[in-house]
């Protein structure tokens, strides 16, 4: 399986799965900017002007190091969020097609999801309702 195929498997409904990632990204960018600004302001007030000029390179490297660390944390969090949301969003496209087909044809049958999907208990309840509807016909 290629990398593109794996991405396609995890990004079933991009609008649902990536929206939290975008929100996390915006929050992290804001946090990074605030940390860097506060760190610079602290060093500017604590260090005398001469020491600030002498240590500017080290301060810049330290700031970049903090940004890289936060970027790694964000990347791990974004990947975990996308994978976790796949348990919710993954079956939605297929279930939507099946429900639409049932409503058009009137042929009600049980819906199938993996036990690891977060919607498993909900689909079991829905299958109970569908079996009652199909039994009334």
C-alpha atoms as a PDB file:
ATOM      1  CA  UNK A   1       0.000   0.000   0.000  1.00  0.00           C
ATOM      2  CA  UNK A   2       1.445   3.359  -1.027  1.00  0.00           C
ATOM      3  CA  UNK A   3       1.533   6.442   1.174  1.00  0.00           C
ATOM      4  CA  UNK A   4      -1.190   8.109  -0.927  1.00  0.00           C
ATOM      5  CA  UNK A   5      -3.482   5.106  -0.434  1.00  0.00           C
ATOM      6  CA  UNK A   6      -2.882   5.154   3.334  1.00  0.00           C
ATOM      7  CA  UNK A   7      -3.706   8.874   3.461  1.00  0.00           C
ATOM      8  CA  UNK A   8      -6.849   8.233   1.439  1.00  0.00           C
ATOM      9  CA  UNK A   9      -7.909   5.571   3.958  1.00  0.00           C
ATOM     10  CA  UNK A  10      -7.512   7.955   6.898  1.00  0.00           C
ATOM     11  CA  UNK A  11      -8.870  11.108   5.278  1.00  0.00           C
ATOM     12  CA  UNK A  12     -12.339   9.901   4.360  1.00  0.00           C
ATOM     13  CA  UNK A  13     -14.188  13.130   5.132  1.00  0.00           C
ATOM     14  CA  UNK A  14     -11.504  15.797   5.045  1.00  0.00           C
ATOM     15  CA  UNK A  15     -13.784  18.619   6.179  1.00  0.00           C
ATOM     16  CA  UNK A  16     -14.667  16.753   9.405  1.00  0.00           C
ATOM     17  CA  UNK A  17     -11.265  15.247  10.106  1.00  0.00           C
ATOM     18  CA  UNK A  18      -9.045  18.239   9.346  1.00  0.00           C
ATOM     19  CA  UNK A  19     -11.101  21.000  10.996  1.00  0.00           C
ATOM     20  CA  UNK A  20      -9.826  20.107  14.514  1.00  0.00           C
ATOM     21  CA  UNK A  21      -6.292  19.928  13.116  1.00  0.00           C
ATOM     22  CA  UNK A  22      -6.659  23.456  11.716  1.00  0.00           C
ATOM     23  CA  UNK A  23      -7.985  24.694  15.065  1.00  0.00           C
ATOM     24  CA  UNK A  24      -5.069  23.071  16.880  1.00  0.00           C
ATOM     25  CA  UNK A  25      -2.640  24.608  14.369  1.00  0.00           C
ATOM     26  CA  UNK A  26      -4.076  28.086  14.912  1.00  0.00           C
ATOM     27  CA  UNK A  27      -3.884  27.682  18.698  1.00  0.00           C
ATOM     28  CA  UNK A  28      -0.284  26.440  18.495  1.00  0.00           C
ATOM     29  CA  UNK A  29       0.775  29.305  16.243  1.00  0.00           C
ATOM     30  CA  UNK A  30      -0.750  31.767  18.675  1.00  0.00           C
ATOM     31  CA  UNK A  31       0.949  30.059  21.626  1.00  0.00           C
ATOM     32  CA  UNK A  32       4.316  29.996  19.839  1.00  0.00           C
ATOM     33  CA  UNK A  33       4.067  33.700  19.009  1.00  0.00           C
ATOM     34  CA  UNK A  34       3.143  34.565  22.594  1.00  0.00           C
ATOM     35  CA  UNK A  35       5.956  32.443  24.083  1.00  0.00           C
ATOM     36  CA  UNK A  36       8.559  33.905  21.751  1.00  0.00           C
ATOM     37  CA  UNK A  37       7.390  37.474  22.389  1.00  0.00           C
ATOM     38  CA  UNK A  38       7.322  37.002  26.162  1.00  0.00           C
ATOM     39  CA  UNK A  39      10.735  35.350  26.140  1.00  0.00           C
ATOM     40  CA  UNK A  40      12.196  38.215  24.113  1.00  0.00           C
ATOM     41  CA  UNK A  41      10.574  40.850  26.361  1.00  0.00           C
ATOM     42  CA  UNK A  42      11.867  39.079  29.484  1.00  0.00           C
ATOM     43  CA  UNK A  43      15.403  38.874  28.164  1.00  0.00           C
ATOM     44  CA  UNK A  44      15.272  42.475  26.969  1.00  0.00           C
ATOM     45  CA  UNK A  45      14.315  43.731  30.434  1.00  0.00           C
ATOM     46  CA  UNK A  46      16.610  41.427  32.424  1.00  0.00           C
ATOM     47  CA  UNK A  47      19.780  41.634  30.343  1.00  0.00           C
ATOM     48  CA  UNK A  48      21.654  44.884  29.895  1.00  0.00           C
ATOM     49  CA  UNK A  49      21.940  46.265  26.352  1.00  0.00           C
ATOM     50  CA  UNK A  50      25.542  45.086  25.889  1.00  0.00           C
ATOM     51  CA  UNK A  51      24.791  41.537  27.045  1.00  0.00           C
ATOM     52  CA  UNK A  52      21.736  41.494  24.779  1.00  0.00           C
ATOM     53  CA  UNK A  53      23.883  42.376  21.772  1.00  0.00           C
ATOM     54  CA  UNK A  54      26.515  39.769  22.669  1.00  0.00           C
ATOM     55  CA  UNK A  55      24.023  36.931  23.225  1.00  0.00           C
ATOM     56  CA  UNK A  56      21.642  37.728  20.354  1.00  0.00           C
ATOM     57  CA  UNK A  57      22.773  34.664  18.361  1.00  0.00           C
ATOM     58  CA  UNK A  58      22.260  32.317  21.294  1.00  0.00           C
ATOM     59  CA  UNK A  59      18.861  33.814  22.032  1.00  0.00           C
ATOM     60  CA  UNK A  60      17.860  33.361  18.393  1.00  0.00           C
ATOM     61  CA  UNK A  61      19.009  29.701  18.421  1.00  0.00           C
ATOM     62  CA  UNK A  62      17.097  29.102  21.639  1.00  0.00           C
ATOM     63  CA  UNK A  63      13.948  30.620  20.127  1.00  0.00           C
ATOM     64  CA  UNK A  64      14.272  28.460  17.027  1.00  0.00           C
ATOM     65  CA  UNK A  65      14.811  25.387  19.231  1.00  0.00           C
ATOM     66  CA  UNK A  66      11.571  26.141  21.110  1.00  0.00           C
ATOM     67  CA  UNK A  67       9.678  26.583  17.835  1.00  0.00           C
ATOM     68  CA  UNK A  68      10.986  23.261  16.480  1.00  0.00           C
ATOM     69  CA  UNK A  69       9.969  21.476  19.682  1.00  0.00           C
ATOM     70  CA  UNK A  70       6.465  22.921  19.523  1.00  0.00           C
ATOM     71  CA  UNK A  71       6.202  22.023  15.828  1.00  0.00           C
ATOM     72  CA  UNK A  72       7.077  18.387  16.607  1.00  0.00           C
ATOM     73  CA  UNK A  73       4.458  18.343  19.367  1.00  0.00           C
ATOM     74  CA  UNK A  74       1.885  19.858  16.998  1.00  0.00           C
ATOM     75  CA  UNK A  75       2.672  17.319  14.265  1.00  0.00           C
ATOM     76  CA  UNK A  76       2.235  14.401  16.675  1.00  0.00           C
ATOM     77  CA  UNK A  77      -1.003  15.889  17.996  1.00  0.00           C
ATOM     78  CA  UNK A  78      -2.358  16.492  14.482  1.00  0.00           C
ATOM     79  CA  UNK A  79      -1.577  12.915  13.420  1.00  0.00           C
ATOM     80  CA  UNK A  80      -3.169  11.465  16.568  1.00  0.00           C
ATOM     81  CA  UNK A  81      -6.265  13.647  16.101  1.00  0.00           C
ATOM     82  CA  UNK A  82      -6.669  12.610  12.461  1.00  0.00           C
ATOM     83  CA  UNK A  83      -6.265   8.915  13.268  1.00  0.00           C
ATOM     84  CA  UNK A  84      -8.637   9.115  16.234  1.00  0.00           C
ATOM     85  CA  UNK A  85     -11.300  10.966  14.240  1.00  0.00           C
ATOM     86  CA  UNK A  86     -11.102   8.234  11.606  1.00  0.00           C
ATOM     87  CA  UNK A  87     -12.943   5.996  14.086  1.00  0.00           C
ATOM     88  CA  UNK A  88     -15.867   8.441  13.948  1.00  0.00           C
ATOM     89  CA  UNK A  89     -15.730   9.755  10.424  1.00  0.00           C
ATOM     90  CA  UNK A  90     -14.463   6.664   8.601  1.00  0.00           C
ATOM     91  CA  UNK A  91     -17.776   4.803   8.427  1.00  0.00           C
ATOM     92  CA  UNK A  92     -19.913   7.904   7.810  1.00  0.00           C
ATOM     93  CA  UNK A  93     -19.540   8.042   4.018  1.00  0.00           C
ATOM     94  CA  UNK A  94     -20.399   4.370   3.564  1.00  0.00           C
ATOM     95  CA  UNK A  95     -23.257   4.455   6.086  1.00  0.00           C
ATOM     96  CA  UNK A  96     -24.704   7.541   4.423  1.00  0.00           C
ATOM     97  CA  UNK A  97     -24.721   5.744   1.056  1.00  0.00           C
ATOM     98  CA  UNK A  98     -26.342   2.663   2.584  1.00  0.00           C
ATOM     99  CA  UNK A  99     -29.050   4.704   4.347  1.00  0.00           C
ATOM    100  CA  UNK A 100     -29.763   6.671   1.174  1.00  0.00           C
ATOM    101  CA  UNK A 101     -30.055   3.408  -0.779  1.00  0.00           C
ATOM    102  CA  UNK A 102     -32.424   1.985   1.868  1.00  0.00           C
ATOM    103  CA  UNK A 103     -34.656   5.057   1.755  1.00  0.00           C
ATOM    104  CA  UNK A 104     -34.815   4.952  -2.044  1.00  0.00           C
ATOM    105  CA  UNK A 105     -35.439   1.201  -2.424  1.00  0.00           C
ATOM    106  CA  UNK A 106     -37.328   0.508   0.797  1.00  0.00           C
ATOM    107  CA  UNK A 107     -35.070  -2.514   1.370  1.00  0.00           C
ATOM    108  CA  UNK A 108     -34.051  -2.149   5.000  1.00  0.00           C
ATOM    109  CA  UNK A 109     -31.095  -4.252   6.147  1.00  0.00           C
ATOM    110  CA  UNK A 110     -28.587  -4.172   8.982  1.00  0.00           C
ATOM    111  CA  UNK A 111     -25.675  -1.772   8.814  1.00  0.00           C
ATOM    112  CA  UNK A 112     -22.201  -3.171   9.426  1.00  0.00           C
ATOM    113  CA  UNK A 113     -19.320  -1.356  11.124  1.00  0.00           C
ATOM    114  CA  UNK A 114     -16.086  -2.531  12.698  1.00  0.00           C
ATOM    115  CA  UNK A 115     -16.075  -3.099  16.460  1.00  0.00           C
ATOM    116  CA  UNK A 116     -13.259  -0.554  16.758  1.00  0.00           C
ATOM    117  CA  UNK A 117     -15.380   2.216  15.186  1.00  0.00           C
ATOM    118  CA  UNK A 118     -16.720   4.728  17.688  1.00  0.00           C
ATOM    119  CA  UNK A 119     -20.171   4.540  16.108  1.00  0.00           C
ATOM    120  CA  UNK A 120     -20.478   0.804  16.825  1.00  0.00           C
ATOM    121  CA  UNK A 121     -22.978   1.100  19.714  1.00  0.00           C
ATOM    122  CA  UNK A 122     -25.028   3.707  17.849  1.00  0.00           C
ATOM    123  CA  UNK A 123     -25.212   1.495  14.751  1.00  0.00           C
ATOM    124  CA  UNK A 124     -26.320  -1.465  16.905  1.00  0.00           C
ATOM    125  CA  UNK A 125     -29.271   0.617  18.163  1.00  0.00           C
ATOM    126  CA  UNK A 126     -30.022   1.792  14.639  1.00  0.00           C
ATOM    127  CA  UNK A 127     -29.940  -1.815  13.422  1.00  0.00           C
ATOM    128  CA  UNK A 128     -32.557  -2.661  16.079  1.00  0.00           C
ATOM    129  CA  UNK A 129     -34.820   0.041  14.681  1.00  0.00           C
ATOM    130  CA  UNK A 130     -34.167  -1.097  11.106  1.00  0.00           C
ATOM    131  CA  UNK A 131     -35.038  -4.695  11.988  1.00  0.00           C
ATOM    132  CA  UNK A 132     -38.345  -3.527  13.507  1.00  0.00           C
ATOM    133  CA  UNK A 133     -39.111  -1.473  10.403  1.00  0.00           C
ATOM    134  CA  UNK A 134     -38.257  -4.339   8.055  1.00  0.00           C
ATOM    135  CA  UNK A 135     -40.341  -6.741  10.226  1.00  0.00           C
ATOM    136  CA  UNK A 136     -43.426  -4.519   9.900  1.00  0.00           C
ATOM    137  CA  UNK A 137     -43.459  -4.826   6.116  1.00  0.00           C
END
